[in-house]
Amino acid sequence: MEPRTRLAEALAELPGVEVEALATHGVSVMREIEETRPEVVILDVQMPQGGALGLIHQIKSALKPPIVIALSSVSSRMYRSKCRNVGAELFFDKVSETEALLRAVSEIRNGLER
């Protein structure tokens, strides 16, 4: 099973979290966001077709944008900063911070319910 599918399954096990889509490139990501209007988007910045930083900016330019969480195995301070500068609220290393990502999504979900 590929890492993206494992992460989606782990997220779906969190109370109140529903995984809507697993888009694989920028065009399908934007289409899915427009169709489903999610509260949170988790974006692997090494996604196929590239352009993830521009995609984060495009997502955050929407009228009522979702919370964007950037996920990458390239987790240098500079790269984290670039993701935040284009609008990502959070950044996690997909190799070593999966548990922290799951906790953050759970906390966001709980905050949205209030």
PDB file of N, CA and C in Angstrom:
ATOM      1  N   MET A   1       0.857  -1.180   0.000  1.00  0.00           N
ATOM      2  CA  MET A   1       0.000   0.000   0.000  1.00  0.00           C
ATOM      3  C   MET A   1       0.902   1.243   0.000  1.00  0.00           C
ATOM      4  N   GLU A   2       0.567   2.185  -0.860  1.00  0.00           N
ATOM      5  CA  GLU A   2       1.395   3.384  -0.962  1.00  0.00           C
ATOM      6  C   GLU A   2       1.171   4.318   0.229  1.00  0.00           C
ATOM      7  N   PRO A   3       2.180   5.142   0.559  1.00  0.00           N
ATOM      8  CA  PRO A   3       2.090   6.026   1.734  1.00  0.00           C
ATOM      9  C   PRO A   3       0.865   6.934   1.733  1.00  0.00           C
ATOM     10  N   ARG A   4       0.483   7.439   0.572  1.00  0.00           N
ATOM     11  CA  ARG A   4      -0.676   8.343   0.494  1.00  0.00           C
ATOM     12  C   ARG A   4      -1.944   7.634   0.937  1.00  0.00           C
ATOM     13  N   THR A   5      -2.096   6.394   0.523  1.00  0.00           N
ATOM     14  CA  THR A   5      -3.270   5.607   0.899  1.00  0.00           C
ATOM     15  C   THR A   5      -3.247   5.296   2.391  1.00  0.00           C
ATOM     16  N   ARG A   6      -2.073   4.968   2.921  1.00  0.00           N
ATOM     17  CA  ARG A   6      -1.953   4.702   4.370  1.00  0.00           C
ATOM     18  C   ARG A   6      -2.326   5.945   5.173  1.00  0.00           C
ATOM     19  N   LEU A   7      -1.848   7.101   4.731  1.00  0.00           N
ATOM     20  CA  LEU A   7      -2.171   8.343   5.432  1.00  0.00           C
ATOM     21  C   LEU A   7      -3.666   8.617   5.364  1.00  0.00           C
ATOM     22  N   ALA A   8      -4.268   8.434   4.211  1.00  0.00           N
ATOM     23  CA  ALA A   8      -5.713   8.658   4.065  1.00  0.00           C
ATOM     24  C   ALA A   8      -6.490   7.746   5.004  1.00  0.00           C
ATOM     25  N   GLU A   9      -6.067   6.501   5.130  1.00  0.00           N
ATOM     26  CA  GLU A   9      -6.743   5.561   6.027  1.00  0.00           C
ATOM     27  C   GLU A   9      -6.573   5.980   7.491  1.00  0.00           C
ATOM     28  N   ALA A  10      -5.371   6.436   7.859  1.00  0.00           N
ATOM     29  CA  ALA A  10      -5.138   6.892   9.233  1.00  0.00           C
ATOM     30  C   ALA A  10      -5.983   8.123   9.538  1.00  0.00           C
ATOM     31  N   LEU A  11      -6.083   9.039   8.593  1.00  0.00           N
ATOM     32  CA  LEU A  11      -6.909  10.238   8.782  1.00  0.00           C
ATOM     33  C   LEU A  11      -8.379   9.872   8.911  1.00  0.00           C
ATOM     34  N   ALA A  12      -8.843   8.930   8.102  1.00  0.00           N
ATOM     35  CA  ALA A  12     -10.252   8.525   8.122  1.00  0.00           C
ATOM     36  C   ALA A  12     -10.636   7.863   9.447  1.00  0.00           C
ATOM     37  N   GLU A  13      -9.662   7.342  10.176  1.00  0.00           N
ATOM     38  CA  GLU A  13      -9.938   6.736  11.474  1.00  0.00           C
ATOM     39  C   GLU A  13     -10.129   7.766  12.589  1.00  0.00           C
ATOM     40  N   LEU A  14      -9.749   9.016  12.339  1.00  0.00           N
ATOM     41  CA  LEU A  14      -9.914  10.064  13.344  1.00  0.00           C
ATOM     42  C   LEU A  14     -11.394  10.423  13.460  1.00  0.00           C
ATOM     43  N   PRO A  15     -11.895  10.591  14.692  1.00  0.00           N
ATOM     44  CA  PRO A  15     -13.308  10.962  14.866  1.00  0.00           C
ATOM     45  C   PRO A  15     -13.633  12.286  14.170  1.00  0.00           C
ATOM     46  N   GLY A  16     -14.700  12.291  13.398  1.00  0.00           N
ATOM     47  CA  GLY A  16     -15.163  13.509  12.739  1.00  0.00           C
ATOM     48  C   GLY A  16     -14.414  13.887  11.481  1.00  0.00           C
ATOM     49  N   VAL A  17     -13.452  13.068  11.061  1.00  0.00           N
ATOM     50  CA  VAL A  17     -12.675  13.375   9.862  1.00  0.00           C
ATOM     51  C   VAL A  17     -13.149  12.496   8.722  1.00  0.00           C
ATOM     52  N   GLU A  18     -13.421  13.143   7.600  1.00  0.00           N
ATOM     53  CA  GLU A  18     -13.847  12.427   6.405  1.00  0.00           C
ATOM     54  C   GLU A  18     -12.865  12.752   5.288  1.00  0.00           C
ATOM     55  N   VAL A  19     -12.280  11.744   4.688  1.00  0.00           N
ATOM     56  CA  VAL A  19     -11.342  11.936   3.586  1.00  0.00           C
ATOM     57  C   VAL A  19     -12.157  11.965   2.300  1.00  0.00           C
ATOM     58  N   GLU A  20     -12.081  13.083   1.592  1.00  0.00           N
ATOM     59  CA  GLU A  20     -12.907  13.284   0.403  1.00  0.00           C
ATOM     60  C   GLU A  20     -12.271  12.776  -0.874  1.00  0.00           C
ATOM     61  N   ALA A  21     -10.974  13.031  -1.075  1.00  0.00           N
ATOM     62  CA  ALA A  21     -10.360  12.700  -2.357  1.00  0.00           C
ATOM     63  C   ALA A  21      -8.862  12.540  -2.202  1.00  0.00           C
ATOM     64  N   LEU A  22      -8.284  11.849  -3.150  1.00  0.00           N
ATOM     65  CA  LEU A  22      -6.840  11.689  -3.202  1.00  0.00           C
ATOM     66  C   LEU A  22      -6.351  12.137  -4.579  1.00  0.00           C
ATOM     67  N   ALA A  23      -6.441  13.420  -4.854  1.00  0.00           N
ATOM     68  CA  ALA A  23      -6.040  13.952  -6.156  1.00  0.00           C
ATOM     69  C   ALA A  23      -4.526  13.850  -6.303  1.00  0.00           C
ATOM     70  N   THR A  24      -4.076  13.691  -7.547  1.00  0.00           N
ATOM     71  CA  THR A  24      -2.653  13.462  -7.776  1.00  0.00           C
ATOM     72  C   THR A  24      -1.918  14.577  -8.509  1.00  0.00           C
ATOM     73  N   HIS A  25      -2.606  15.574  -9.009  1.00  0.00           N
ATOM     74  CA  HIS A  25      -1.908  16.707  -9.613  1.00  0.00           C
ATOM     75  C   HIS A  25      -2.750  17.963  -9.481  1.00  0.00           C
ATOM     76  N   GLY A  26      -2.119  19.108  -9.714  1.00  0.00           N
ATOM     77  CA  GLY A  26      -2.725  20.394  -9.434  1.00  0.00           C
ATOM     78  C   GLY A  26      -4.107  20.616  -9.988  1.00  0.00           C
ATOM     79  N   VAL A  27      -4.337  20.237 -11.247  1.00  0.00           N
ATOM     80  CA  VAL A  27      -5.647  20.464 -11.865  1.00  0.00           C
ATOM     81  C   VAL A  27      -6.712  19.689 -11.108  1.00  0.00           C
ATOM     82  N   SER A  28      -6.448  18.416 -10.801  1.00  0.00           N
ATOM     83  CA  SER A  28      -7.462  17.624 -10.095  1.00  0.00           C
ATOM     84  C   SER A  28      -7.609  18.079  -8.645  1.00  0.00           C
ATOM     85  N   VAL A  29      -6.544  18.590  -8.031  1.00  0.00           N
ATOM     86  CA  VAL A  29      -6.648  19.112  -6.662  1.00  0.00           C
ATOM     87  C   VAL A  29      -7.617  20.285  -6.642  1.00  0.00           C
ATOM     88  N   MET A  30      -7.433  21.233  -7.534  1.00  0.00           N
ATOM     89  CA  MET A  30      -8.310  22.405  -7.558  1.00  0.00           C
ATOM     90  C   MET A  30      -9.742  22.007  -7.890  1.00  0.00           C
ATOM     91  N   ARG A  31      -9.927  21.074  -8.788  1.00  0.00           N
ATOM     92  CA  ARG A  31     -11.268  20.614  -9.133  1.00  0.00           C
ATOM     93  C   ARG A  31     -11.937  19.990  -7.906  1.00  0.00           C
ATOM     94  N   GLU A  32     -11.217  19.141  -7.201  1.00  0.00           N
ATOM     95  CA  GLU A  32     -11.765  18.494  -6.003  1.00  0.00           C
ATOM     96  C   GLU A  32     -12.104  19.525  -4.921  1.00  0.00           C
ATOM     97  N   ILE A  33     -11.248  20.510  -4.740  1.00  0.00           N
ATOM     98  CA  ILE A  33     -11.498  21.553  -3.734  1.00  0.00           C
ATOM     99  C   ILE A  33     -12.754  22.342  -4.096  1.00  0.00           C
ATOM    100  N   GLU A  34     -12.882  22.698  -5.355  1.00  0.00           N
ATOM    101  CA  GLU A  34     -14.064  23.446  -5.792  1.00  0.00           C
ATOM    102  C   GLU A  34     -15.338  22.628  -5.633  1.00  0.00           C
ATOM    103  N   GLU A  35     -15.262  21.322  -5.883  1.00  0.00           N
ATOM    104  CA  GLU A  35     -16.449  20.472  -5.801  1.00  0.00           C
ATOM    105  C   GLU A  35     -16.831  20.103  -4.366  1.00  0.00           C
ATOM    106  N   THR A  36     -15.842  19.850  -3.517  1.00  0.00           N
ATOM    107  CA  THR A  36     -16.141  19.340  -2.171  1.00  0.00           C
ATOM    108  C   THR A  36     -16.076  20.394  -1.073  1.00  0.00           C
ATOM    109  N   ARG A  37     -15.423  21.529  -1.320  1.00  0.00           N
ATOM    110  CA  ARG A  37     -15.292  22.607  -0.331  1.00  0.00           C
ATOM    111  C   ARG A  37     -14.812  22.076   1.029  1.00  0.00           C
ATOM    112  N   PRO A  38     -13.631  21.458   1.071  1.00  0.00           N
ATOM    113  CA  PRO A  38     -13.138  20.900   2.333  1.00  0.00           C
ATOM    114  C   PRO A  38     -12.741  21.985   3.325  1.00  0.00           C
ATOM    115  N   GLU A  39     -12.707  21.624   4.578  1.00  0.00           N
ATOM    116  CA  GLU A  39     -12.251  22.550   5.617  1.00  0.00           C
ATOM    117  C   GLU A  39     -10.735  22.528   5.738  1.00  0.00           C
ATOM    118  N   VAL A  40     -10.130  21.394   5.380  1.00  0.00           N
ATOM    119  CA  VAL A  40      -8.683  21.217   5.458  1.00  0.00           C
ATOM    120  C   VAL A  40      -8.206  20.496   4.199  1.00  0.00           C
ATOM    121  N   VAL A  41      -7.082  20.953   3.656  1.00  0.00           N
ATOM    122  CA  VAL A  41      -6.426  20.284   2.529  1.00  0.00           C
ATOM    123  C   VAL A  41      -5.022  19.919   2.974  1.00  0.00           C
ATOM    124  N   ILE A  42      -4.662  18.650   2.797  1.00  0.00           N
ATOM    125  CA  ILE A  42      -3.298  18.206   3.069  1.00  0.00           C
ATOM    126  C   ILE A  42      -2.658  17.974   1.718  1.00  0.00           C
ATOM    127  N   LEU A  43      -1.562  18.675   1.480  1.00  0.00           N
ATOM    128  CA  LEU A  43      -0.945  18.680   0.163  1.00  0.00           C
ATOM    129  C   LEU A  43       0.498  18.230   0.259  1.00  0.00           C
ATOM    130  N   ASP A  44       0.834  17.157  -0.450  1.00  0.00           N
ATOM    131  CA  ASP A  44       2.219  16.717  -0.549  1.00  0.00           C
ATOM    132  C   ASP A  44       2.908  17.641  -1.539  1.00  0.00           C
ATOM    133  N   VAL A  45       3.867  18.397  -1.077  1.00  0.00           N
ATOM    134  CA  VAL A  45       4.489  19.388  -1.952  1.00  0.00           C
ATOM    135  C   VAL A  45       5.418  18.761  -2.982  1.00  0.00           C
ATOM    136  N   GLN A  46       5.651  17.456  -2.909  1.00  0.00           N
ATOM    137  CA  GLN A  46       6.387  16.750  -3.956  1.00  0.00           C
ATOM    138  C   GLN A  46       5.426  16.009  -4.880  1.00  0.00           C
ATOM    139  N   MET A  47       4.217  16.495  -5.002  1.00  0.00           N
ATOM    140  CA  MET A  47       3.207  15.842  -5.821  1.00  0.00           C
ATOM    141  C   MET A  47       3.660  15.768  -7.270  1.00  0.00           C
ATOM    142  N   PRO A  48       3.180  14.748  -7.991  1.00  0.00           N
ATOM    143  CA  PRO A  48       3.507  14.670  -9.417  1.00  0.00           C
ATOM    144  C   PRO A  48       3.062  15.948 -10.130  1.00  0.00           C
ATOM    145  N   GLN A  49       3.735  16.318 -11.178  1.00  0.00           N
ATOM    146  CA  GLN A  49       3.472  17.513 -11.976  1.00  0.00           C
ATOM    147  C   GLN A  49       4.042  18.775 -11.327  1.00  0.00           C
ATOM    148  N   GLY A  50       4.513  18.698 -10.067  1.00  0.00           N
ATOM    149  CA  GLY A  50       5.149  19.850  -9.432  1.00  0.00           C
ATOM    150  C   GLY A  50       4.221  21.038  -9.243  1.00  0.00           C
ATOM    151  N   GLY A  51       4.814  22.192  -8.972  1.00  0.00           N
ATOM    152  CA  GLY A  51       4.046  23.413  -8.824  1.00  0.00           C
ATOM    153  C   GLY A  51       3.259  23.525  -7.536  1.00  0.00           C
ATOM    154  N   ALA A  52       3.654  22.797  -6.504  1.00  0.00           N
ATOM    155  CA  ALA A  52       2.878  22.777  -5.263  1.00  0.00           C
ATOM    156  C   ALA A  52       2.845  24.130  -4.566  1.00  0.00           C
ATOM    157  N   LEU A  53       3.932  24.875  -4.609  1.00  0.00           N
ATOM    158  CA  LEU A  53       3.926  26.181  -3.941  1.00  0.00           C
ATOM    159  C   LEU A  53       2.913  27.108  -4.614  1.00  0.00           C
ATOM    160  N   GLY A  54       2.861  27.095  -5.933  1.00  0.00           N
ATOM    161  CA  GLY A  54       1.859  27.880  -6.657  1.00  0.00           C
ATOM    162  C   GLY A  54       0.454  27.388  -6.371  1.00  0.00           C
ATOM    163  N   LEU A  55       0.311  26.088  -6.215  1.00  0.00           N
ATOM    164  CA  LEU A  55      -0.992  25.511  -5.913  1.00  0.00           C
ATOM    165  C   LEU A  55      -1.467  25.942  -4.522  1.00  0.00           C
ATOM    166  N   ILE A  56      -0.565  25.958  -3.548  1.00  0.00           N
ATOM    167  CA  ILE A  56      -0.935  26.436  -2.198  1.00  0.00           C
ATOM    168  C   ILE A  56      -1.431  27.870  -2.298  1.00  0.00           C
ATOM    169  N   HIS A  57      -0.699  28.692  -3.025  1.00  0.00           N
ATOM    170  CA  HIS A  57      -1.103  30.094  -3.190  1.00  0.00           C
ATOM    171  C   HIS A  57      -2.471  30.187  -3.863  1.00  0.00           C
ATOM    172  N   GLN A  58      -2.703  29.365  -4.880  1.00  0.00           N
ATOM    173  CA  GLN A  58      -3.990  29.367  -5.587  1.00  0.00           C
ATOM    174  C   GLN A  58      -5.123  28.939  -4.644  1.00  0.00           C
ATOM    175  N   ILE A  59      -4.887  27.918  -3.849  1.00  0.00           N
ATOM    176  CA  ILE A  59      -5.900  27.454  -2.895  1.00  0.00           C
ATOM    177  C   ILE A  59      -6.236  28.564  -1.904  1.00  0.00           C
ATOM    178  N   LYS A  60      -5.209  29.219  -1.394  1.00  0.00           N
ATOM    179  CA  LYS A  60      -5.420  30.250  -0.376  1.00  0.00           C
ATOM    180  C   LYS A  60      -6.008  31.532  -0.963  1.00  0.00           C
ATOM    181  N   SER A  61      -6.024  31.662  -2.277  1.00  0.00           N
ATOM    182  CA  SER A  61      -6.610  32.836  -2.925  1.00  0.00           C
ATOM    183  C   SER A  61      -8.122  32.716  -3.071  1.00  0.00           C
ATOM    184  N   ALA A  62      -8.673  31.560  -2.770  1.00  0.00           N
ATOM    185  CA  ALA A  62     -10.124  31.350  -2.879  1.00  0.00           C
ATOM    186  C   ALA A  62     -10.855  32.251  -1.897  1.00  0.00           C
ATOM    187  N   LEU A  63     -12.136  32.501  -2.151  1.00  0.00           N
ATOM    188  CA  LEU A  63     -12.940  33.377  -1.307  1.00  0.00           C
ATOM    189  C   LEU A  63     -12.994  32.897   0.140  1.00  0.00           C
ATOM    190  N   LYS A  64     -13.244  31.629   0.342  1.00  0.00           N
ATOM    191  CA  LYS A  64     -13.252  31.057   1.685  1.00  0.00           C
ATOM    192  C   LYS A  64     -12.319  29.836   1.666  1.00  0.00           C
ATOM    193  N   PRO A  65     -11.014  30.088   1.758  1.00  0.00           N
ATOM    194  CA  PRO A  65     -10.061  29.000   1.570  1.00  0.00           C
ATOM    195  C   PRO A  65     -10.026  28.020   2.743  1.00  0.00           C
ATOM    196  N   PRO A  66      -9.699  26.772   2.449  1.00  0.00           N
ATOM    197  CA  PRO A  66      -9.531  25.791   3.517  1.00  0.00           C
ATOM    198  C   PRO A  66      -8.192  25.999   4.218  1.00  0.00           C
ATOM    199  N   ILE A  67      -8.035  25.382   5.349  1.00  0.00           N
ATOM    200  CA  ILE A  67      -6.737  25.326   6.015  1.00  0.00           C
ATOM    201  C   ILE A  67      -5.859  24.428   5.157  1.00  0.00           C
ATOM    202  N   VAL A  68      -4.638  24.865   4.887  1.00  0.00           N
ATOM    203  CA  VAL A  68      -3.723  24.070   4.074  1.00  0.00           C
ATOM    204  C   VAL A  68      -2.583  23.561   4.945  1.00  0.00           C
ATOM    205  N   ILE A  69      -2.389  22.245   4.883  1.00  0.00           N
ATOM    206  CA  ILE A  69      -1.278  21.603   5.569  1.00  0.00           C
ATOM    207  C   ILE A  69      -0.348  21.062   4.501  1.00  0.00           C
ATOM    208  N   ALA A  70       0.895  21.537   4.505  1.00  0.00           N
ATOM    209  CA  ALA A  70       1.903  21.059   3.554  1.00  0.00           C
ATOM    210  C   ALA A  70       2.618  19.863   4.170  1.00  0.00           C
ATOM    211  N   LEU A  71       2.905  18.897   3.331  1.00  0.00           N
ATOM    212  CA  LEU A  71       3.521  17.649   3.759  1.00  0.00           C
ATOM    213  C   LEU A  71       4.656  17.345   2.789  1.00  0.00           C
ATOM    214  N   SER A  72       5.842  17.038   3.311  1.00  0.00           N
ATOM    215  CA  SER A  72       6.971  16.768   2.433  1.00  0.00           C
ATOM    216  C   SER A  72       8.050  15.978   3.155  1.00  0.00           C
ATOM    217  N   SER A  73       8.867  15.293   2.375  1.00  0.00           N
ATOM    218  CA  SER A  73      10.043  14.650   2.963  1.00  0.00           C
ATOM    219  C   SER A  73      11.226  15.611   2.933  1.00  0.00           C
ATOM    220  N   VAL A  74      11.080  16.723   2.235  1.00  0.00           N
ATOM    221  CA  VAL A  74      12.084  17.790   2.242  1.00  0.00           C
ATOM    222  C   VAL A  74      11.628  18.790   3.293  1.00  0.00           C
ATOM    223  N   SER A  75      12.249  18.726   4.461  1.00  0.00           N
ATOM    224  CA  SER A  75      11.712  19.525   5.566  1.00  0.00           C
ATOM    225  C   SER A  75      12.695  20.549   6.112  1.00  0.00           C
ATOM    226  N   SER A  76      13.561  21.057   5.265  1.00  0.00           N
ATOM    227  CA  SER A  76      14.492  22.084   5.723  1.00  0.00           C
ATOM    228  C   SER A  76      13.718  23.326   6.169  1.00  0.00           C
ATOM    229  N   ARG A  77      14.331  24.108   7.015  1.00  0.00           N
ATOM    230  CA  ARG A  77      13.701  25.332   7.513  1.00  0.00           C
ATOM    231  C   ARG A  77      13.305  26.246   6.354  1.00  0.00           C
ATOM    232  N   MET A  78      14.166  26.324   5.335  1.00  0.00           N
ATOM    233  CA  MET A  78      13.871  27.189   4.195  1.00  0.00           C
ATOM    234  C   MET A  78      12.618  26.707   3.444  1.00  0.00           C
ATOM    235  N   TYR A  79      12.498  25.411   3.253  1.00  0.00           N
ATOM    236  CA  TYR A  79      11.344  24.876   2.528  1.00  0.00           C
ATOM    237  C   TYR A  79      10.063  25.054   3.334  1.00  0.00           C
ATOM    238  N   ARG A  80      10.147  24.819   4.636  1.00  0.00           N
ATOM    239  CA  ARG A  80       8.990  25.056   5.507  1.00  0.00           C
ATOM    240  C   ARG A  80       8.551  26.516   5.397  1.00  0.00           C
ATOM    241  N   SER A  81       9.521  27.394   5.413  1.00  0.00           N
ATOM    242  CA  SER A  81       9.249  28.833   5.334  1.00  0.00           C
ATOM    243  C   SER A  81       8.590  29.198   4.000  1.00  0.00           C
ATOM    244  N   LYS A  82       9.064  28.599   2.899  1.00  0.00           N
ATOM    245  CA  LYS A  82       8.459  28.876   1.587  1.00  0.00           C
ATOM    246  C   LYS A  82       6.989  28.455   1.574  1.00  0.00           C
ATOM    247  N   CYS A  83       6.696  27.300   2.155  1.00  0.00           N
ATOM    248  CA  CYS A  83       5.306  26.826   2.195  1.00  0.00           C
ATOM    249  C   CYS A  83       4.440  27.768   3.015  1.00  0.00           C
ATOM    250  N   ARG A  84       4.957  28.204   4.143  1.00  0.00           N
ATOM    251  CA  ARG A  84       4.202  29.144   4.985  1.00  0.00           C
ATOM    252  C   ARG A  84       4.019  30.483   4.274  1.00  0.00           C
ATOM    253  N   ASN A  85       5.049  30.933   3.568  1.00  0.00           N
ATOM    254  CA  ASN A  85       4.971  32.230   2.875  1.00  0.00           C
ATOM    255  C   ASN A  85       3.897  32.262   1.797  1.00  0.00           C
ATOM    256  N   VAL A  86       3.572  31.118   1.190  1.00  0.00           N
ATOM    257  CA  VAL A  86       2.527  31.096   0.160  1.00  0.00           C
ATOM    258  C   VAL A  86       1.166  30.742   0.738  1.00  0.00           C
ATOM    259  N   GLY A  87       1.105  30.512   2.072  1.00  0.00           N
ATOM    260  CA  GLY A  87      -0.197  30.355   2.698  1.00  0.00           C
ATOM    261  C   GLY A  87      -0.465  29.097   3.500  1.00  0.00           C
ATOM    262  N   ALA A  88       0.427  28.127   3.488  1.00  0.00           N
ATOM    263  CA  ALA A  88       0.189  26.915   4.275  1.00  0.00           C
ATOM    264  C   ALA A  88       0.233  27.259   5.768  1.00  0.00           C
ATOM    265  N   GLU A  89      -0.803  26.846   6.486  1.00  0.00           N
ATOM    266  CA  GLU A  89      -0.839  27.119   7.925  1.00  0.00           C
ATOM    267  C   GLU A  89       0.120  26.214   8.699  1.00  0.00           C
ATOM    268  N   LEU A  90       0.267  24.980   8.229  1.00  0.00           N
ATOM    269  CA  LEU A  90       1.124  24.012   8.922  1.00  0.00           C
ATOM    270  C   LEU A  90       1.994  23.272   7.915  1.00  0.00           C
ATOM    271  N   PHE A  91       3.106  22.726   8.396  1.00  0.00           N
ATOM    272  CA  PHE A  91       4.016  21.934   7.571  1.00  0.00           C
ATOM    273  C   PHE A  91       4.495  20.768   8.402  1.00  0.00           C
ATOM    274  N   PHE A  92       4.483  19.566   7.812  1.00  0.00           N
ATOM    275  CA  PHE A  92       4.970  18.384   8.503  1.00  0.00           C
ATOM    276  C   PHE A  92       5.872  17.577   7.587  1.00  0.00           C
ATOM    277  N   ASP A  93       6.904  16.992   8.171  1.00  0.00           N
ATOM    278  CA  ASP A  93       7.765  16.052   7.469  1.00  0.00           C
ATOM    279  C   ASP A  93       7.009  14.741   7.378  1.00  0.00           C
ATOM    280  N   LYS A  94       6.766  14.255   6.159  1.00  0.00           N
ATOM    281  CA  LYS A  94       5.932  13.068   6.001  1.00  0.00           C
ATOM    282  C   LYS A  94       6.626  11.792   6.455  1.00  0.00           C
ATOM    283  N   VAL A  95       7.931  11.841   6.654  1.00  0.00           N
ATOM    284  CA  VAL A  95       8.651  10.660   7.122  1.00  0.00           C
ATOM    285  C   VAL A  95       8.632  10.565   8.644  1.00  0.00           C
ATOM    286  N   SER A  96       8.857  11.686   9.306  1.00  0.00           N
ATOM    287  CA  SER A  96       9.038  11.627  10.765  1.00  0.00           C
ATOM    288  C   SER A  96       7.943  12.298  11.592  1.00  0.00           C
ATOM    289  N   GLU A  97       7.002  12.989  10.961  1.00  0.00           N
ATOM    290  CA  GLU A  97       6.009  13.738  11.739  1.00  0.00           C
ATOM    291  C   GLU A  97       4.565  13.324  11.462  1.00  0.00           C
ATOM    292  N   THR A  98       4.361  12.080  11.078  1.00  0.00           N
ATOM    293  CA  THR A  98       3.006  11.619  10.764  1.00  0.00           C
ATOM    294  C   THR A  98       2.094  11.699  11.983  1.00  0.00           C
ATOM    295  N   GLU A  99       2.578  11.285  13.129  1.00  0.00           N
ATOM    296  CA  GLU A  99       1.751  11.338  14.346  1.00  0.00           C
ATOM    297  C   GLU A  99       1.392  12.778  14.692  1.00  0.00           C
ATOM    298  N   ALA A 100       2.342  13.687  14.530  1.00  0.00           N
ATOM    299  CA  ALA A 100       2.068  15.106  14.797  1.00  0.00           C
ATOM    300  C   ALA A 100       1.026  15.641  13.821  1.00  0.00           C
ATOM    301  N   LEU A 101       1.086  15.206  12.566  1.00  0.00           N
ATOM    302  CA  LEU A 101       0.090  15.594  11.569  1.00  0.00           C
ATOM    303  C   LEU A 101      -1.295  15.108  11.980  1.00  0.00           C
ATOM    304  N   LEU A 102      -1.393  13.851  12.401  1.00  0.00           N
ATOM    305  CA  LEU A 102      -2.688  13.303  12.821  1.00  0.00           C
ATOM    306  C   LEU A 102      -3.236  14.053  14.033  1.00  0.00           C
ATOM    307  N   ARG A 103      -2.361  14.384  14.986  1.00  0.00           N
ATOM    308  CA  ARG A 103      -2.808  15.164  16.160  1.00  0.00           C
ATOM    309  C   ARG A 103      -3.303  16.539  15.737  1.00  0.00           C
ATOM    310  N   ALA A 104      -2.573  17.179  14.825  1.00  0.00           N
ATOM    311  CA  ALA A 104      -2.965  18.519  14.368  1.00  0.00           C
ATOM    312  C   ALA A 104      -4.315  18.481  13.662  1.00  0.00           C
ATOM    313  N   VAL A 105      -4.542  17.494  12.816  1.00  0.00           N
ATOM    314  CA  VAL A 105      -5.827  17.382  12.118  1.00  0.00           C
ATOM    315  C   VAL A 105      -6.946  17.156  13.128  1.00  0.00           C
ATOM    316  N   SER A 106      -6.689  16.329  14.115  1.00  0.00           N
ATOM    317  CA  SER A 106      -7.690  16.082  15.151  1.00  0.00           C
ATOM    318  C   SER A 106      -8.009  17.362  15.927  1.00  0.00           C
ATOM    319  N   GLU A 107      -6.969  18.128  16.268  1.00  0.00           N
ATOM    320  CA  GLU A 107      -7.172  19.393  16.977  1.00  0.00           C
ATOM    321  C   GLU A 107      -7.933  20.402  16.106  1.00  0.00           C
ATOM    322  N   ILE A 108      -7.598  20.465  14.838  1.00  0.00           N
ATOM    323  CA  ILE A 108      -8.313  21.366  13.920  1.00  0.00           C
ATOM    324  C   ILE A 108      -9.772  20.966  13.849  1.00  0.00           C
ATOM    325  N   ARG A 109     -10.030  19.678  13.711  1.00  0.00           N
ATOM    326  CA  ARG A 109     -11.410  19.174  13.636  1.00  0.00           C
ATOM    327  C   ARG A 109     -12.183  19.536  14.898  1.00  0.00           C
ATOM    328  N   ASN A 110     -11.547  19.334  16.036  1.00  0.00           N
ATOM    329  CA  ASN A 110     -12.218  19.690  17.298  1.00  0.00           C
ATOM    330  C   ASN A 110     -12.489  21.178  17.382  1.00  0.00           C
ATOM    331  N   GLY A 111     -11.567  21.997  16.905  1.00  0.00           N
ATOM    332  CA  GLY A 111     -11.756  23.440  16.913  1.00  0.00           C
ATOM    333  C   GLY A 111     -12.866  23.883  15.978  1.00  0.00           C
ATOM    334  N   LEU A 112     -13.029  23.208  14.853  1.00  0.00           N
ATOM    335  CA  LEU A 112     -14.068  23.558  13.895  1.00  0.00           C
ATOM    336  C   LEU A 112     -15.454  23.211  14.427  1.00  0.00           C
ATOM    337  N   GLU A 113     -15.535  22.222  15.307  1.00  0.00           N
ATOM    338  CA  GLU A 113     -16.820  21.812  15.862  1.00  0.00           C
ATOM    339  C   GLU A 113     -17.330  22.786  16.924  1.00  0.00           C
ATOM    340  N   ARG A 114     -16.464  23.601  17.460  1.00  0.00           N
ATOM    341  CA  ARG A 114     -16.863  24.533  18.533  1.00  0.00           C
ATOM    342  C   ARG A 114     -17.675  25.669  18.019  1.00  0.00           C
TER     343      ARG A 114
END
